[in-house]
Amino acid sequence: MNNIVTVQDVVTAFADFMEPTNAELDAIEVESPLILAEVDLLDAQITALDHLPNEVDARRIRRARHRVLAARRDLANTPAAAAAPGGAA
């Protein structure tokens, strides 16, 4: 009786091609204020789901939305060279 065995390369999570490049990390760093503002908005929305929304929750969500819009505006107004250091486009 012959055993059936698949022949495959070993797959590791630490392969060089799976790591983000420096340009990708720079792009994430440029976008981090927007990412953090969106996380704050999501946190405010989740908090409002836990109980009946009140005026404080509405104000918190409204302020978080304004921070997201401001971060998007700032990101959109950055020059392309500054927005993508390292050649990431």
N, C-alpha and C. Protein backbone atom coordinates (compact mmCIF):
# COMPACT_ATOMS: atom_id res chain seq x y z
N MET A 1 0.84 -1.17 0.00
CA MET A 1 0.00 0.00 0.00
C MET A 1 0.89 1.24 0.00
N ASN A 2 0.60 2.17 -0.90
CA ASN A 2 1.37 3.41 -1.00
C ASN A 2 0.63 4.54 -0.31
N ASN A 3 1.37 5.33 0.43
CA ASN A 3 0.78 6.50 1.07
C ASN A 3 0.70 7.65 0.07
N ILE A 4 -0.39 8.37 0.12
CA ILE A 4 -0.56 9.53 -0.74
C ILE A 4 -0.16 10.76 0.07
N VAL A 5 0.86 11.45 -0.39
CA VAL A 5 1.38 12.61 0.33
C VAL A 5 1.47 13.77 -0.65
N THR A 6 1.05 14.93 -0.21
CA THR A 6 1.18 16.11 -1.07
C THR A 6 2.59 16.67 -0.93
N VAL A 7 3.09 17.19 -2.00
CA VAL A 7 4.41 17.78 -2.00
C VAL A 7 4.22 19.29 -2.14
N GLN A 8 4.52 20.02 -1.08
CA GLN A 8 4.36 21.47 -1.09
C GLN A 8 5.54 22.11 -0.39
N ASP A 9 5.78 23.35 -0.76
CA ASP A 9 6.80 24.11 -0.05
C ASP A 9 6.27 24.48 1.33
N VAL A 10 7.17 24.63 2.24
CA VAL A 10 6.78 25.04 3.59
C VAL A 10 6.33 26.49 3.54
N VAL A 11 5.18 26.77 4.12
CA VAL A 11 4.64 28.12 4.15
C VAL A 11 4.84 28.68 5.54
N THR A 12 5.50 29.84 5.60
CA THR A 12 5.71 30.47 6.89
C THR A 12 5.11 31.86 6.88
N ALA A 13 4.71 32.32 8.01
CA ALA A 13 4.11 33.65 8.12
C ALA A 13 5.18 34.73 8.11
N PHE A 14 6.44 34.37 8.14
CA PHE A 14 7.51 35.35 8.23
C PHE A 14 8.32 35.44 6.95
N ALA A 15 7.72 35.07 5.84
CA ALA A 15 8.43 35.17 4.57
C ALA A 15 8.64 36.64 4.22
N ASP A 16 9.75 36.93 3.55
CA ASP A 16 10.10 38.31 3.23
C ASP A 16 9.04 39.00 2.38
N PHE A 17 8.44 38.28 1.46
CA PHE A 17 7.48 38.90 0.56
C PHE A 17 6.15 39.22 1.24
N MET A 18 5.93 38.74 2.45
CA MET A 18 4.67 38.99 3.15
C MET A 18 4.74 40.22 4.06
N GLU A 19 5.93 40.74 4.27
CA GLU A 19 6.09 41.90 5.14
C GLU A 19 5.77 43.18 4.35
N PRO A 20 5.20 44.19 4.98
CA PRO A 20 4.95 45.45 4.27
C PRO A 20 6.26 46.15 3.95
N THR A 21 6.28 46.81 2.81
CA THR A 21 7.48 47.55 2.42
C THR A 21 7.55 48.85 3.22
N ASN A 22 8.69 49.50 3.14
CA ASN A 22 8.84 50.78 3.83
C ASN A 22 7.88 51.82 3.26
N ALA A 23 7.63 51.77 1.96
CA ALA A 23 6.70 52.71 1.35
C ALA A 23 5.28 52.48 1.86
N GLU A 24 4.89 51.23 2.05
CA GLU A 24 3.56 50.93 2.58
C GLU A 24 3.44 51.38 4.03
N LEU A 25 4.48 51.18 4.81
CA LEU A 25 4.46 51.63 6.19
C LEU A 25 4.40 53.16 6.27
N ASP A 26 5.10 53.84 5.37
CA ASP A 26 5.03 55.31 5.33
C ASP A 26 3.63 55.78 4.96
N ALA A 27 2.99 55.09 4.01
CA ALA A 27 1.63 55.46 3.62
C ALA A 27 0.66 55.27 4.77
N ILE A 28 0.83 54.21 5.55
CA ILE A 28 -0.02 53.98 6.71
C ILE A 28 0.21 55.08 7.74
N GLU A 29 1.46 55.48 7.92
CA GLU A 29 1.76 56.53 8.88
C GLU A 29 1.13 57.86 8.48
N VAL A 30 1.11 58.15 7.18
CA VAL A 30 0.48 59.37 6.70
C VAL A 30 -1.02 59.33 6.94
N GLU A 31 -1.63 58.16 6.78
CA GLU A 31 -3.08 58.02 6.94
C GLU A 31 -3.50 57.76 8.38
N SER A 32 -2.57 57.62 9.30
CA SER A 32 -2.92 57.25 10.67
C SER A 32 -3.85 58.24 11.37
N PRO A 33 -3.75 59.57 11.16
CA PRO A 33 -4.73 60.44 11.81
C PRO A 33 -6.17 60.14 11.37
N LEU A 34 -6.35 59.83 10.10
CA LEU A 34 -7.69 59.49 9.61
C LEU A 34 -8.14 58.16 10.20
N ILE A 35 -7.24 57.21 10.26
CA ILE A 35 -7.59 55.90 10.81
C ILE A 35 -8.01 56.03 12.28
N LEU A 36 -7.25 56.81 13.04
CA LEU A 36 -7.58 56.99 14.46
C LEU A 36 -8.90 57.73 14.64
N ALA A 37 -9.17 58.72 13.78
CA ALA A 37 -10.44 59.45 13.86
C ALA A 37 -11.61 58.53 13.55
N GLU A 38 -11.43 57.64 12.56
CA GLU A 38 -12.50 56.70 12.23
C GLU A 38 -12.73 55.70 13.36
N VAL A 39 -11.66 55.29 14.04
CA VAL A 39 -11.80 54.39 15.19
C VAL A 39 -12.56 55.09 16.31
N ASP A 40 -12.26 56.37 16.55
CA ASP A 40 -12.99 57.12 17.58
C ASP A 40 -14.47 57.24 17.24
N LEU A 41 -14.77 57.46 15.96
CA LEU A 41 -16.17 57.53 15.54
C LEU A 41 -16.87 56.19 15.77
N LEU A 42 -16.20 55.12 15.42
CA LEU A 42 -16.78 53.79 15.63
C LEU A 42 -16.99 53.51 17.11
N ASP A 43 -16.05 53.91 17.94
CA ASP A 43 -16.20 53.73 19.39
C ASP A 43 -17.40 54.51 19.92
N ALA A 44 -17.57 55.74 19.43
CA ALA A 44 -18.72 56.55 19.87
C ALA A 44 -20.03 55.91 19.43
N GLN A 45 -20.06 55.37 18.22
CA GLN A 45 -21.28 54.73 17.74
C GLN A 45 -21.58 53.46 18.51
N ILE A 46 -20.56 52.68 18.83
CA ILE A 46 -20.76 51.46 19.61
C ILE A 46 -21.24 51.79 21.02
N THR A 47 -20.69 52.83 21.60
CA THR A 47 -21.12 53.25 22.94
C THR A 47 -22.58 53.64 22.93
N ALA A 48 -23.02 54.31 21.88
CA ALA A 48 -24.42 54.72 21.79
C ALA A 48 -25.36 53.53 21.60
N LEU A 49 -24.84 52.42 21.10
CA LEU A 49 -25.68 51.23 20.91
C LEU A 49 -25.96 50.51 22.22
N ASP A 50 -25.13 50.71 23.23
CA ASP A 50 -25.27 49.98 24.49
C ASP A 50 -26.47 50.42 25.31
N HIS A 51 -26.99 51.62 25.05
CA HIS A 51 -28.11 52.13 25.83
C HIS A 51 -28.91 53.09 24.96
N LEU A 52 -29.96 53.62 25.51
CA LEU A 52 -30.73 54.60 24.74
C LEU A 52 -29.86 55.83 24.49
N PRO A 53 -29.73 56.24 23.23
CA PRO A 53 -28.89 57.40 22.94
C PRO A 53 -29.43 58.66 23.62
N ASN A 54 -28.53 59.44 24.16
CA ASN A 54 -28.90 60.69 24.81
C ASN A 54 -28.14 61.84 24.15
N GLU A 55 -28.27 63.02 24.71
CA GLU A 55 -27.63 64.20 24.11
C GLU A 55 -26.11 64.10 24.13
N VAL A 56 -25.55 63.51 25.17
CA VAL A 56 -24.10 63.36 25.26
C VAL A 56 -23.60 62.43 24.16
N ASP A 57 -24.32 61.33 23.92
CA ASP A 57 -23.93 60.42 22.84
C ASP A 57 -24.00 61.11 21.49
N ALA A 58 -25.06 61.86 21.26
CA ALA A 58 -25.21 62.56 19.99
C ALA A 58 -24.08 63.57 19.79
N ARG A 59 -23.72 64.27 20.84
CA ARG A 59 -22.62 65.24 20.76
C ARG A 59 -21.29 64.55 20.50
N ARG A 60 -21.07 63.40 21.17
CA ARG A 60 -19.83 62.64 20.99
C ARG A 60 -19.71 62.15 19.55
N ILE A 61 -20.81 61.63 18.99
CA ILE A 61 -20.80 61.15 17.61
C ILE A 61 -20.59 62.31 16.64
N ARG A 62 -21.25 63.42 16.90
CA ARG A 62 -21.12 64.59 16.02
C ARG A 62 -19.67 65.09 16.01
N ARG A 63 -19.05 65.18 17.17
CA ARG A 63 -17.65 65.62 17.25
C ARG A 63 -16.72 64.63 16.56
N ALA A 64 -16.99 63.35 16.73
CA ALA A 64 -16.15 62.33 16.08
C ALA A 64 -16.29 62.42 14.55
N ARG A 65 -17.51 62.67 14.07
CA ARG A 65 -17.70 62.84 12.62
C ARG A 65 -16.93 64.05 12.11
N HIS A 66 -16.93 65.13 12.87
CA HIS A 66 -16.19 66.33 12.47
C HIS A 66 -14.68 66.05 12.44
N ARG A 67 -14.19 65.26 13.38
CA ARG A 67 -12.77 64.91 13.37
C ARG A 67 -12.42 64.06 12.15
N VAL A 68 -13.33 63.13 11.77
CA VAL A 68 -13.10 62.32 10.58
C VAL A 68 -13.06 63.19 9.34
N LEU A 69 -14.02 64.11 9.23
CA LEU A 69 -14.05 65.00 8.07
C LEU A 69 -12.81 65.89 8.02
N ALA A 70 -12.37 66.38 9.15
CA ALA A 70 -11.18 67.22 9.18
C ALA A 70 -9.94 66.41 8.79
N ALA A 71 -9.85 65.18 9.25
CA ALA A 71 -8.71 64.33 8.89
C ALA A 71 -8.73 64.01 7.40
N ARG A 72 -9.92 63.75 6.86
CA ARG A 72 -10.03 63.50 5.41
C ARG A 72 -9.63 64.74 4.62
N ARG A 73 -10.07 65.91 5.07
CA ARG A 73 -9.71 67.15 4.40
C ARG A 73 -8.21 67.36 4.42
N ASP A 74 -7.60 67.17 5.58
CA ASP A 74 -6.16 67.36 5.70
C ASP A 74 -5.40 66.37 4.82
N LEU A 75 -5.87 65.13 4.76
CA LEU A 75 -5.21 64.13 3.93
C LEU A 75 -5.37 64.45 2.46
N ALA A 76 -6.54 64.94 2.07
CA ALA A 76 -6.78 65.28 0.66
C ALA A 76 -5.98 66.50 0.24
N ASN A 77 -5.68 67.39 1.17
CA ASN A 77 -4.96 68.62 0.85
C ASN A 77 -3.45 68.49 0.95
N THR A 78 -2.95 67.32 1.31
CA THR A 78 -1.51 67.15 1.36
C THR A 78 -0.99 66.94 -0.06
N PRO A 79 0.18 67.49 -0.37
CA PRO A 79 0.75 67.28 -1.70
C PRO A 79 1.03 65.80 -1.93
N ALA A 80 1.01 65.38 -3.18
CA ALA A 80 1.19 63.96 -3.51
C ALA A 80 2.55 63.45 -3.05
N ALA A 81 3.58 64.27 -3.15
CA ALA A 81 4.92 63.82 -2.73
C ALA A 81 4.97 63.62 -1.23
N ALA A 82 4.28 64.46 -0.46
CA ALA A 82 4.30 64.31 1.00
C ALA A 82 3.36 63.19 1.43
N ALA A 83 2.30 62.96 0.66
CA ALA A 83 1.33 61.93 1.03
C ALA A 83 1.87 60.54 0.78
N ALA A 84 2.83 60.40 -0.11
CA ALA A 84 3.34 59.09 -0.45
C ALA A 84 4.86 59.07 -0.41
N PRO A 85 5.46 59.24 0.77
CA PRO A 85 6.91 59.19 0.84
C PRO A 85 7.41 57.78 0.51
N GLY A 86 8.55 57.71 -0.11
CA GLY A 86 9.11 56.41 -0.45
C GLY A 86 8.60 55.87 -1.76
N GLY A 87 7.80 56.62 -2.48
CA GLY A 87 7.36 56.19 -3.79
C GLY A 87 6.05 55.43 -3.82
N ALA A 88 5.38 55.27 -2.68
CA ALA A 88 4.09 54.57 -2.69
C ALA A 88 3.04 55.48 -3.28
N ALA A 89 2.27 54.95 -4.19
CA ALA A 89 1.24 55.77 -4.82
C ALA A 89 -0.11 55.11 -4.72
